[in-house]
Amino acid sequence: MPVTAAGNLSLAQECLRTTLADATAFRTFAGAADRAAALLRIHHDVLPPPAAAAPAYTLAEWAAHRPYAIVAGEQTGGYSVRHATGGASFGFEESGHLWLLLGAAPDSDYTADADQDAAFRNAVGEIIGGLMDLAGLAGYLAIETIAVAAIGRNLPDDAPGCGEEMLCILGITWGTAQ
């Protein structure tokens, strides 16, 4: 049974997932008509396990997962609280760091690798813009920074069995300070 996000660490990760699902550019990237369909493409920490407890995905399973997003917490130092006020209104501000991995098959509309790479970078840029548009609005993650940690192509020899894949890793810092 799935565990419902509760508590500061899990809620921040789920809030990023919701923010991403409501970004129009991510819905376009994922081929999702609405939030519910987009959420099916956004996973916490890892993709679902391979079928029948197999040790690895088949190429068909990889293809079925794409495009996808994985929202993950920072394993060291990914969350902090800081004393923010004094006197009668004693309080804290929360902040943290999350990772967002975007994966997709190369765009078959383009035959040249350079065009596929550019199309993927364009899609990632639009997704970043969508996150920026929603950042800090009620119900969405209060994103402070978005940094591209890595972007490129995973070739079949890099990960046997998964086929060629376009990948991007975004580092996202968030906070509650106003």
N, C-alpha and C. Protein backbone atom coordinates (compact mmCIF):
# COMPACT_ATOMS: atom_id res chain seq x y z
N MET A 1 0.85 -1.18 0.00
CA MET A 1 0.00 0.00 0.00
C MET A 1 0.90 1.24 0.00
N PRO A 2 0.60 2.22 -0.87
CA PRO A 2 1.41 3.44 -0.91
C PRO A 2 1.30 4.22 0.40
N VAL A 3 2.40 4.85 0.77
CA VAL A 3 2.44 5.68 1.96
C VAL A 3 2.11 7.11 1.56
N THR A 4 1.25 7.75 2.31
CA THR A 4 0.88 9.14 2.06
C THR A 4 1.94 10.06 2.64
N ALA A 5 2.32 11.08 1.87
CA ALA A 5 3.31 12.04 2.34
C ALA A 5 2.80 12.75 3.58
N ALA A 6 3.63 12.78 4.62
CA ALA A 6 3.30 13.47 5.86
C ALA A 6 4.62 13.93 6.47
N GLY A 7 4.62 15.06 7.08
CA GLY A 7 5.84 15.58 7.67
C GLY A 7 6.62 16.40 6.66
N ASN A 8 7.49 17.22 7.17
CA ASN A 8 8.16 18.23 6.35
C ASN A 8 8.98 17.67 5.20
N LEU A 9 9.73 16.61 5.41
CA LEU A 9 10.57 16.07 4.35
C LEU A 9 9.74 15.50 3.20
N SER A 10 8.78 14.68 3.52
CA SER A 10 7.94 14.07 2.49
C SER A 10 7.03 15.08 1.80
N LEU A 11 6.52 16.03 2.56
CA LEU A 11 5.60 17.01 1.97
C LEU A 11 6.30 17.90 0.95
N ALA A 12 7.55 18.27 1.19
CA ALA A 12 8.28 19.09 0.22
C ALA A 12 8.44 18.32 -1.09
N GLN A 13 8.80 17.06 -1.00
CA GLN A 13 8.97 16.24 -2.20
C GLN A 13 7.64 16.09 -2.94
N GLU A 14 6.57 15.85 -2.22
CA GLU A 14 5.26 15.71 -2.85
C GLU A 14 4.80 17.04 -3.45
N CYS A 15 5.15 18.14 -2.80
CA CYS A 15 4.79 19.46 -3.32
C CYS A 15 5.50 19.73 -4.64
N LEU A 16 6.77 19.33 -4.77
CA LEU A 16 7.46 19.46 -6.06
C LEU A 16 6.77 18.60 -7.11
N ARG A 17 6.37 17.41 -6.73
CA ARG A 17 5.68 16.51 -7.67
C ARG A 17 4.39 17.17 -8.19
N THR A 18 3.62 17.77 -7.29
CA THR A 18 2.38 18.45 -7.67
C THR A 18 2.67 19.67 -8.55
N THR A 19 3.69 20.44 -8.17
CA THR A 19 4.06 21.62 -8.96
C THR A 19 4.42 21.20 -10.38
N LEU A 20 5.22 20.16 -10.50
CA LEU A 20 5.61 19.66 -11.82
C LEU A 20 4.40 19.17 -12.61
N ALA A 21 3.51 18.46 -11.96
CA ALA A 21 2.33 17.92 -12.64
C ALA A 21 1.43 19.02 -13.17
N ASP A 22 1.43 20.17 -12.51
CA ASP A 22 0.58 21.28 -12.96
C ASP A 22 1.28 22.23 -13.94
N ALA A 23 2.56 21.99 -14.21
CA ALA A 23 3.27 22.79 -15.19
C ALA A 23 2.88 22.33 -16.60
N THR A 24 2.31 23.21 -17.37
CA THR A 24 1.83 22.87 -18.71
C THR A 24 2.93 22.25 -19.56
N ALA A 25 4.14 22.76 -19.46
CA ALA A 25 5.24 22.23 -20.27
C ALA A 25 5.56 20.79 -19.90
N PHE A 26 5.45 20.44 -18.61
CA PHE A 26 5.68 19.04 -18.24
C PHE A 26 4.56 18.17 -18.80
N ARG A 27 3.33 18.64 -18.74
CA ARG A 27 2.22 17.84 -19.29
C ARG A 27 2.44 17.58 -20.77
N THR A 28 2.91 18.59 -21.50
CA THR A 28 3.22 18.41 -22.92
C THR A 28 4.33 17.38 -23.08
N PHE A 29 5.41 17.53 -22.33
CA PHE A 29 6.54 16.60 -22.35
C PHE A 29 6.09 15.17 -22.09
N ALA A 30 5.20 15.00 -21.10
CA ALA A 30 4.75 13.67 -20.68
C ALA A 30 3.58 13.14 -21.48
N GLY A 31 3.01 13.97 -22.36
CA GLY A 31 1.83 13.55 -23.11
C GLY A 31 0.63 13.34 -22.20
N ALA A 32 0.53 14.15 -21.15
CA ALA A 32 -0.53 14.02 -20.15
C ALA A 32 -1.58 15.11 -20.33
N ALA A 33 -2.83 14.71 -20.31
CA ALA A 33 -3.93 15.65 -20.52
C ALA A 33 -4.26 16.47 -19.28
N ASP A 34 -3.97 15.92 -18.10
CA ASP A 34 -4.35 16.60 -16.87
C ASP A 34 -3.40 16.22 -15.73
N ARG A 35 -3.67 16.77 -14.54
CA ARG A 35 -2.80 16.52 -13.39
C ARG A 35 -2.70 15.02 -13.09
N ALA A 36 -3.82 14.33 -13.08
CA ALA A 36 -3.81 12.90 -12.74
C ALA A 36 -2.92 12.11 -13.69
N ALA A 37 -3.02 12.39 -14.97
CA ALA A 37 -2.19 11.69 -15.96
C ALA A 37 -0.72 12.07 -15.79
N ALA A 38 -0.45 13.33 -15.49
CA ALA A 38 0.94 13.77 -15.28
C ALA A 38 1.53 13.10 -14.05
N LEU A 39 0.76 12.99 -12.98
CA LEU A 39 1.26 12.37 -11.75
C LEU A 39 1.67 10.91 -11.97
N LEU A 40 1.04 10.24 -12.93
CA LEU A 40 1.41 8.85 -13.23
C LEU A 40 2.81 8.76 -13.84
N ARG A 41 3.32 9.86 -14.36
CA ARG A 41 4.65 9.90 -14.97
C ARG A 41 5.72 10.43 -14.01
N ILE A 42 5.31 10.84 -12.79
CA ILE A 42 6.24 11.44 -11.83
C ILE A 42 6.35 10.49 -10.63
N HIS A 43 7.55 10.03 -10.37
CA HIS A 43 7.78 9.02 -9.34
C HIS A 43 8.64 9.57 -8.21
N HIS A 44 8.42 9.04 -7.01
CA HIS A 44 9.25 9.38 -5.86
C HIS A 44 10.47 8.47 -5.84
N ASP A 45 11.65 9.05 -5.87
CA ASP A 45 12.94 8.40 -5.63
C ASP A 45 13.40 7.41 -6.71
N VAL A 46 12.55 6.55 -7.22
CA VAL A 46 12.94 5.55 -8.23
C VAL A 46 11.74 5.25 -9.11
N LEU A 47 12.01 4.64 -10.26
CA LEU A 47 10.91 4.13 -11.07
C LEU A 47 10.33 2.89 -10.40
N PRO A 48 9.11 2.51 -10.73
CA PRO A 48 8.57 1.26 -10.19
C PRO A 48 9.48 0.09 -10.57
N PRO A 49 9.49 -0.97 -9.78
CA PRO A 49 10.38 -2.10 -10.08
C PRO A 49 10.00 -2.82 -11.37
N PRO A 50 10.96 -3.52 -11.95
CA PRO A 50 10.66 -4.31 -13.16
C PRO A 50 9.59 -5.36 -12.87
N ALA A 51 8.94 -5.82 -13.91
CA ALA A 51 7.89 -6.82 -13.77
C ALA A 51 8.44 -8.13 -13.21
N ALA A 52 7.60 -8.82 -12.47
CA ALA A 52 7.90 -10.16 -11.97
C ALA A 52 9.22 -10.22 -11.20
N ALA A 53 9.55 -9.14 -10.50
CA ALA A 53 10.76 -9.09 -9.68
C ALA A 53 12.03 -9.43 -10.47
N ALA A 54 12.02 -9.10 -11.74
CA ALA A 54 13.20 -9.32 -12.58
C ALA A 54 14.33 -8.42 -12.10
N PRO A 55 15.58 -8.80 -12.35
CA PRO A 55 16.69 -7.97 -11.89
C PRO A 55 16.87 -6.67 -12.67
N ALA A 56 16.29 -6.58 -13.86
CA ALA A 56 16.43 -5.38 -14.68
C ALA A 56 15.20 -5.23 -15.57
N TYR A 57 14.99 -3.99 -16.03
CA TYR A 57 13.88 -3.73 -16.95
C TYR A 57 14.19 -4.32 -18.32
N THR A 58 13.13 -4.69 -19.02
CA THR A 58 13.28 -5.03 -20.43
C THR A 58 13.25 -3.73 -21.21
N LEU A 59 13.67 -3.78 -22.47
CA LEU A 59 13.62 -2.58 -23.31
C LEU A 59 12.18 -2.08 -23.43
N ALA A 60 11.22 -3.01 -23.52
CA ALA A 60 9.81 -2.62 -23.61
C ALA A 60 9.34 -1.91 -22.33
N GLU A 61 9.81 -2.37 -21.17
CA GLU A 61 9.44 -1.71 -19.91
C GLU A 61 10.02 -0.30 -19.85
N TRP A 62 11.28 -0.15 -20.28
CA TRP A 62 11.88 1.18 -20.32
C TRP A 62 11.04 2.09 -21.21
N ALA A 63 10.67 1.59 -22.39
CA ALA A 63 9.90 2.39 -23.33
C ALA A 63 8.55 2.80 -22.73
N ALA A 64 7.94 1.91 -21.97
CA ALA A 64 6.63 2.21 -21.36
C ALA A 64 6.74 3.29 -20.28
N HIS A 65 7.88 3.37 -19.60
CA HIS A 65 8.06 4.38 -18.55
C HIS A 65 8.31 5.78 -19.13
N ARG A 66 8.86 5.85 -20.31
CA ARG A 66 9.23 7.15 -20.88
C ARG A 66 8.04 7.85 -21.50
N PRO A 67 8.00 9.15 -21.43
CA PRO A 67 8.85 10.03 -20.62
C PRO A 67 8.47 9.93 -19.15
N TYR A 68 9.41 10.28 -18.28
CA TYR A 68 9.17 10.18 -16.85
C TYR A 68 9.93 11.28 -16.11
N ALA A 69 9.54 11.42 -14.85
CA ALA A 69 10.27 12.29 -13.92
C ALA A 69 10.41 11.54 -12.61
N ILE A 70 11.54 11.74 -11.97
CA ILE A 70 11.77 11.20 -10.63
C ILE A 70 12.10 12.37 -9.71
N VAL A 71 11.36 12.49 -8.64
CA VAL A 71 11.58 13.52 -7.62
C VAL A 71 12.25 12.82 -6.44
N ALA A 72 13.41 13.32 -6.04
CA ALA A 72 14.15 12.67 -4.96
C ALA A 72 14.72 13.71 -4.00
N GLY A 73 14.81 13.31 -2.76
CA GLY A 73 15.41 14.17 -1.75
C GLY A 73 16.92 14.06 -1.79
N GLU A 74 17.56 15.10 -1.30
CA GLU A 74 19.02 15.10 -1.15
C GLU A 74 19.36 14.12 -0.05
N GLN A 75 20.34 13.27 -0.28
CA GLN A 75 20.66 12.25 0.72
C GLN A 75 21.46 12.79 1.90
N THR A 76 22.20 13.86 1.71
CA THR A 76 22.92 14.47 2.83
C THR A 76 22.68 15.98 2.79
N GLY A 77 22.19 16.50 3.86
CA GLY A 77 22.02 17.94 3.97
C GLY A 77 20.87 18.50 3.15
N GLY A 78 19.86 17.72 2.90
CA GLY A 78 18.78 18.17 2.03
C GLY A 78 17.64 18.90 2.71
N TYR A 79 17.72 19.09 4.03
CA TYR A 79 16.63 19.77 4.73
C TYR A 79 17.21 20.48 5.94
N SER A 80 16.72 21.69 6.19
CA SER A 80 17.14 22.39 7.39
C SER A 80 16.04 23.33 7.85
N VAL A 81 16.08 23.64 9.12
CA VAL A 81 15.21 24.66 9.69
C VAL A 81 16.11 25.69 10.36
N ARG A 82 15.68 26.94 10.32
CA ARG A 82 16.47 28.02 10.87
C ARG A 82 15.57 28.91 11.70
N HIS A 83 16.07 29.26 12.88
CA HIS A 83 15.32 30.17 13.74
C HIS A 83 15.14 31.48 12.99
N ALA A 84 13.91 31.94 12.89
CA ALA A 84 13.63 33.10 12.05
C ALA A 84 13.07 34.29 12.80
N THR A 85 12.47 34.08 13.93
CA THR A 85 11.85 35.19 14.65
C THR A 85 12.15 35.07 16.13
N GLY A 86 11.90 36.11 16.85
CA GLY A 86 12.14 36.10 18.29
C GLY A 86 10.96 36.66 19.04
N GLY A 87 11.10 36.72 20.34
CA GLY A 87 10.04 37.27 21.17
C GLY A 87 8.81 36.40 21.20
N ALA A 88 7.66 37.04 21.17
CA ALA A 88 6.40 36.31 21.29
C ALA A 88 6.07 35.48 20.05
N SER A 89 6.68 35.82 18.91
CA SER A 89 6.35 35.08 17.68
C SER A 89 7.52 34.17 17.27
N PHE A 90 8.01 33.38 18.20
CA PHE A 90 9.13 32.47 17.96
C PHE A 90 8.76 31.52 16.83
N GLY A 91 9.63 31.37 15.84
CA GLY A 91 9.31 30.49 14.73
C GLY A 91 10.54 30.08 13.94
N PHE A 92 10.33 29.23 12.98
CA PHE A 92 11.40 28.70 12.15
C PHE A 92 11.03 28.80 10.67
N GLU A 93 12.06 28.88 9.83
CA GLU A 93 11.90 28.82 8.38
C GLU A 93 12.54 27.53 7.90
N GLU A 94 11.84 26.84 7.02
CA GLU A 94 12.34 25.58 6.47
C GLU A 94 12.97 25.84 5.10
N SER A 95 13.93 25.02 4.75
CA SER A 95 14.49 25.05 3.40
C SER A 95 15.09 23.68 3.10
N GLY A 96 15.34 23.44 1.83
CA GLY A 96 15.91 22.16 1.47
C GLY A 96 16.34 22.11 0.03
N HIS A 97 16.80 20.93 -0.35
CA HIS A 97 17.28 20.67 -1.71
C HIS A 97 16.67 19.37 -2.19
N LEU A 98 16.13 19.40 -3.40
CA LEU A 98 15.55 18.22 -4.03
C LEU A 98 16.19 18.03 -5.40
N TRP A 99 16.12 16.83 -5.90
CA TRP A 99 16.59 16.50 -7.25
C TRP A 99 15.40 16.14 -8.12
N LEU A 100 15.46 16.56 -9.36
CA LEU A 100 14.44 16.21 -10.34
C LEU A 100 15.15 15.63 -11.56
N LEU A 101 14.87 14.38 -11.85
CA LEU A 101 15.44 13.72 -13.01
C LEU A 101 14.36 13.60 -14.07
N LEU A 102 14.64 14.06 -15.28
CA LEU A 102 13.72 13.95 -16.41
C LEU A 102 14.33 12.99 -17.42
N GLY A 103 13.54 12.03 -17.87
CA GLY A 103 14.02 11.07 -18.86
C GLY A 103 13.03 10.90 -19.99
N ALA A 104 13.55 10.77 -21.20
CA ALA A 104 12.69 10.61 -22.37
C ALA A 104 13.46 9.89 -23.47
N ALA A 105 12.74 9.26 -24.35
CA ALA A 105 13.35 8.70 -25.55
C ALA A 105 13.71 9.85 -26.48
N PRO A 106 14.75 9.69 -27.30
CA PRO A 106 15.03 10.74 -28.29
C PRO A 106 13.80 11.00 -29.15
N ASP A 107 13.59 12.25 -29.51
CA ASP A 107 12.42 12.66 -30.30
C ASP A 107 12.56 12.12 -31.72
N SER A 108 11.66 11.25 -32.11
CA SER A 108 11.73 10.62 -33.43
C SER A 108 11.39 11.59 -34.57
N ASP A 109 10.92 12.81 -34.23
CA ASP A 109 10.68 13.81 -35.28
C ASP A 109 11.97 14.32 -35.89
N TYR A 110 13.08 14.08 -35.19
CA TYR A 110 14.38 14.58 -35.65
C TYR A 110 15.31 13.41 -35.90
N THR A 111 16.01 13.43 -37.04
CA THR A 111 16.93 12.35 -37.35
C THR A 111 18.35 12.67 -36.91
N ALA A 112 18.72 13.91 -36.83
CA ALA A 112 20.08 14.29 -36.43
C ALA A 112 20.17 14.34 -34.90
N ASP A 113 21.25 13.78 -34.35
CA ASP A 113 21.44 13.80 -32.90
C ASP A 113 21.43 15.23 -32.35
N ALA A 114 22.05 16.16 -33.05
CA ALA A 114 22.11 17.55 -32.58
C ALA A 114 20.70 18.13 -32.47
N ASP A 115 19.82 17.79 -33.40
CA ASP A 115 18.44 18.29 -33.35
C ASP A 115 17.68 17.64 -32.19
N GLN A 116 17.91 16.35 -31.97
CA GLN A 116 17.26 15.67 -30.84
C GLN A 116 17.72 16.30 -29.52
N ASP A 117 19.02 16.56 -29.42
CA ASP A 117 19.56 17.19 -28.21
C ASP A 117 18.95 18.58 -28.00
N ALA A 118 18.87 19.36 -29.06
CA ALA A 118 18.30 20.71 -28.96
C ALA A 118 16.82 20.65 -28.58
N ALA A 119 16.08 19.72 -29.16
CA ALA A 119 14.66 19.59 -28.83
C ALA A 119 14.48 19.23 -27.35
N PHE A 120 15.34 18.36 -26.84
CA PHE A 120 15.26 17.99 -25.43
C PHE A 120 15.61 19.18 -24.53
N ARG A 121 16.68 19.89 -24.87
CA ARG A 121 17.05 21.08 -24.09
C ARG A 121 15.91 22.10 -24.11
N ASN A 122 15.26 22.26 -25.26
CA ASN A 122 14.12 23.19 -25.34
C ASN A 122 13.00 22.76 -24.41
N ALA A 123 12.70 21.46 -24.40
CA ALA A 123 11.63 20.94 -23.54
C ALA A 123 11.99 21.16 -22.07
N VAL A 124 13.24 20.88 -21.70
CA VAL A 124 13.67 21.08 -20.32
C VAL A 124 13.57 22.57 -19.95
N GLY A 125 13.99 23.45 -20.83
CA GLY A 125 13.88 24.88 -20.57
C GLY A 125 12.44 25.31 -20.35
N GLU A 126 11.53 24.76 -21.14
CA GLU A 126 10.11 25.09 -20.96
C GLU A 126 9.58 24.55 -19.63
N ILE A 127 10.03 23.35 -19.24
CA ILE A 127 9.62 22.80 -17.93
C ILE A 127 10.14 23.68 -16.80
N ILE A 128 11.39 24.12 -16.90
CA ILE A 128 11.93 25.03 -15.88
C ILE A 128 11.09 26.30 -15.82
N GLY A 129 10.73 26.86 -16.97
CA GLY A 129 9.87 28.04 -17.00
C GLY A 129 8.53 27.78 -16.34
N GLY A 130 7.96 26.62 -16.57
CA GLY A 130 6.69 26.26 -15.94
C GLY A 130 6.80 26.16 -14.43
N LEU A 131 7.91 25.60 -13.95
CA LEU A 131 8.14 25.53 -12.50
C LEU A 131 8.28 26.94 -11.93
N MET A 132 8.99 27.80 -12.65
CA MET A 132 9.18 29.19 -12.20
C MET A 132 7.83 29.91 -12.11
N ASP A 133 6.95 29.66 -13.07
CA ASP A 133 5.65 30.33 -13.07
C ASP A 133 4.81 29.96 -11.85
N LEU A 134 4.95 28.70 -11.37
CA LEU A 134 4.13 28.22 -10.26
C LEU A 134 4.81 28.37 -8.90
N ALA A 135 6.11 28.58 -8.89
CA ALA A 135 6.89 28.61 -7.64
C ALA A 135 6.32 29.61 -6.65
N GLY A 136 6.04 29.11 -5.46
CA GLY A 136 5.59 29.98 -4.38
C GLY A 136 4.11 30.29 -4.36
N LEU A 137 3.39 29.93 -5.42
CA LEU A 137 1.94 30.13 -5.39
C LEU A 137 1.31 29.15 -4.41
N ALA A 138 0.15 29.46 -3.92
CA ALA A 138 -0.52 28.60 -2.94
C ALA A 138 -0.61 27.16 -3.47
N GLY A 139 -0.17 26.22 -2.67
CA GLY A 139 -0.24 24.81 -3.03
C GLY A 139 0.97 24.29 -3.79
N TYR A 140 1.90 25.17 -4.14
CA TYR A 140 3.08 24.77 -4.91
C TYR A 140 4.36 25.02 -4.11
N LEU A 141 5.42 24.35 -4.50
CA LEU A 141 6.68 24.46 -3.80
C LEU A 141 7.27 25.87 -3.95
N ALA A 142 7.78 26.41 -2.86
CA ALA A 142 8.42 27.73 -2.87
C ALA A 142 9.86 27.56 -3.37
N ILE A 143 10.00 27.41 -4.67
CA ILE A 143 11.30 27.17 -5.30
C ILE A 143 12.12 28.45 -5.23
N GLU A 144 13.38 28.30 -4.80
CA GLU A 144 14.30 29.43 -4.75
C GLU A 144 15.30 29.39 -5.91
N THR A 145 15.82 28.21 -6.23
CA THR A 145 16.75 28.08 -7.35
C THR A 145 16.50 26.78 -8.09
N ILE A 146 16.79 26.81 -9.38
CA ILE A 146 16.76 25.61 -10.22
C ILE A 146 18.08 25.61 -10.99
N ALA A 147 18.84 24.55 -10.85
CA ALA A 147 20.14 24.46 -11.52
C ALA A 147 20.22 23.16 -12.31
N VAL A 148 20.68 23.25 -13.55
CA VAL A 148 20.90 22.05 -14.35
C VAL A 148 22.21 21.43 -13.86
N ALA A 149 22.10 20.25 -13.24
CA ALA A 149 23.29 19.54 -12.76
C ALA A 149 23.92 18.71 -13.88
N ALA A 150 23.08 18.20 -14.77
CA ALA A 150 23.57 17.40 -15.90
C ALA A 150 22.47 17.33 -16.94
N ILE A 151 22.86 17.30 -18.20
CA ILE A 151 21.90 17.12 -19.29
C ILE A 151 22.63 16.45 -20.44
N GLY A 152 21.98 15.49 -21.07
CA GLY A 152 22.61 14.82 -22.20
C GLY A 152 21.92 13.54 -22.57
N ARG A 153 22.69 12.70 -23.19
CA ARG A 153 22.17 11.48 -23.79
C ARG A 153 22.83 10.28 -23.12
N ASN A 154 22.01 9.32 -22.75
CA ASN A 154 22.51 8.05 -22.23
C ASN A 154 22.48 7.07 -23.41
N LEU A 155 23.63 6.66 -23.85
CA LEU A 155 23.72 5.77 -25.00
C LEU A 155 23.49 4.32 -24.57
N PRO A 156 23.02 3.46 -25.48
CA PRO A 156 22.73 2.07 -25.12
C PRO A 156 23.91 1.36 -24.44
N ASP A 157 25.14 1.69 -24.81
CA ASP A 157 26.29 1.04 -24.17
C ASP A 157 26.49 1.50 -22.73
N ASP A 158 25.97 2.69 -22.38
CA ASP A 158 26.10 3.21 -21.03
C ASP A 158 25.24 2.44 -20.03
N ALA A 159 24.10 2.01 -20.47
CA ALA A 159 23.17 1.26 -19.61
C ALA A 159 22.52 0.17 -20.47
N PRO A 160 23.21 -0.94 -20.62
CA PRO A 160 22.67 -2.01 -21.47
C PRO A 160 21.25 -2.38 -21.07
N GLY A 161 20.42 -2.55 -22.06
CA GLY A 161 19.04 -2.95 -21.82
C GLY A 161 18.05 -1.81 -21.77
N CYS A 162 18.51 -0.56 -21.61
CA CYS A 162 17.54 0.54 -21.51
C CYS A 162 17.39 1.30 -22.81
N GLY A 163 18.28 1.08 -23.76
CA GLY A 163 18.20 1.81 -25.01
C GLY A 163 18.68 3.23 -24.84
N GLU A 164 18.61 3.98 -25.91
CA GLU A 164 19.06 5.37 -25.88
C GLU A 164 18.03 6.22 -25.13
N GLU A 165 18.53 7.18 -24.36
CA GLU A 165 17.64 7.98 -23.54
C GLU A 165 18.22 9.38 -23.38
N MET A 166 17.34 10.36 -23.38
CA MET A 166 17.70 11.74 -23.08
C MET A 166 17.45 11.93 -21.58
N LEU A 167 18.43 12.52 -20.89
CA LEU A 167 18.33 12.69 -19.44
C LEU A 167 18.70 14.10 -19.02
N CYS A 168 18.04 14.57 -17.98
CA CYS A 168 18.40 15.84 -17.36
C CYS A 168 18.22 15.70 -15.86
N ILE A 169 19.19 16.22 -15.11
CA ILE A 169 19.08 16.25 -13.66
C ILE A 169 19.07 17.71 -13.23
N LEU A 170 18.01 18.09 -12.52
CA LEU A 170 17.88 19.45 -12.01
C LEU A 170 18.01 19.44 -10.49
N GLY A 171 18.80 20.34 -9.95
CA GLY A 171 18.88 20.55 -8.52
C GLY A 171 17.96 21.71 -8.16
N ILE A 172 17.10 21.48 -7.19
CA ILE A 172 16.10 22.49 -6.83
C ILE A 172 16.20 22.80 -5.35
N THR A 173 16.43 24.06 -5.02
CA THR A 173 16.39 24.48 -3.62
C THR A 173 15.06 25.18 -3.37
N TRP A 174 14.56 25.01 -2.18
CA TRP A 174 13.28 25.59 -1.83
C TRP A 174 13.37 26.15 -0.41
N GLY A 175 12.43 26.99 -0.07
CA GLY A 175 12.40 27.57 1.27
C GLY A 175 11.08 28.22 1.59
N THR A 176 10.91 28.54 2.85
CA THR A 176 9.66 29.17 3.29
C THR A 176 9.86 30.64 3.66
N ALA A 177 11.10 31.13 3.54
CA ALA A 177 11.36 32.53 3.90
C ALA A 177 10.61 33.45 2.95
N GLN A 178 10.09 34.52 3.48
CA GLN A 178 9.34 35.49 2.66
C GLN A 178 10.14 36.75 2.47
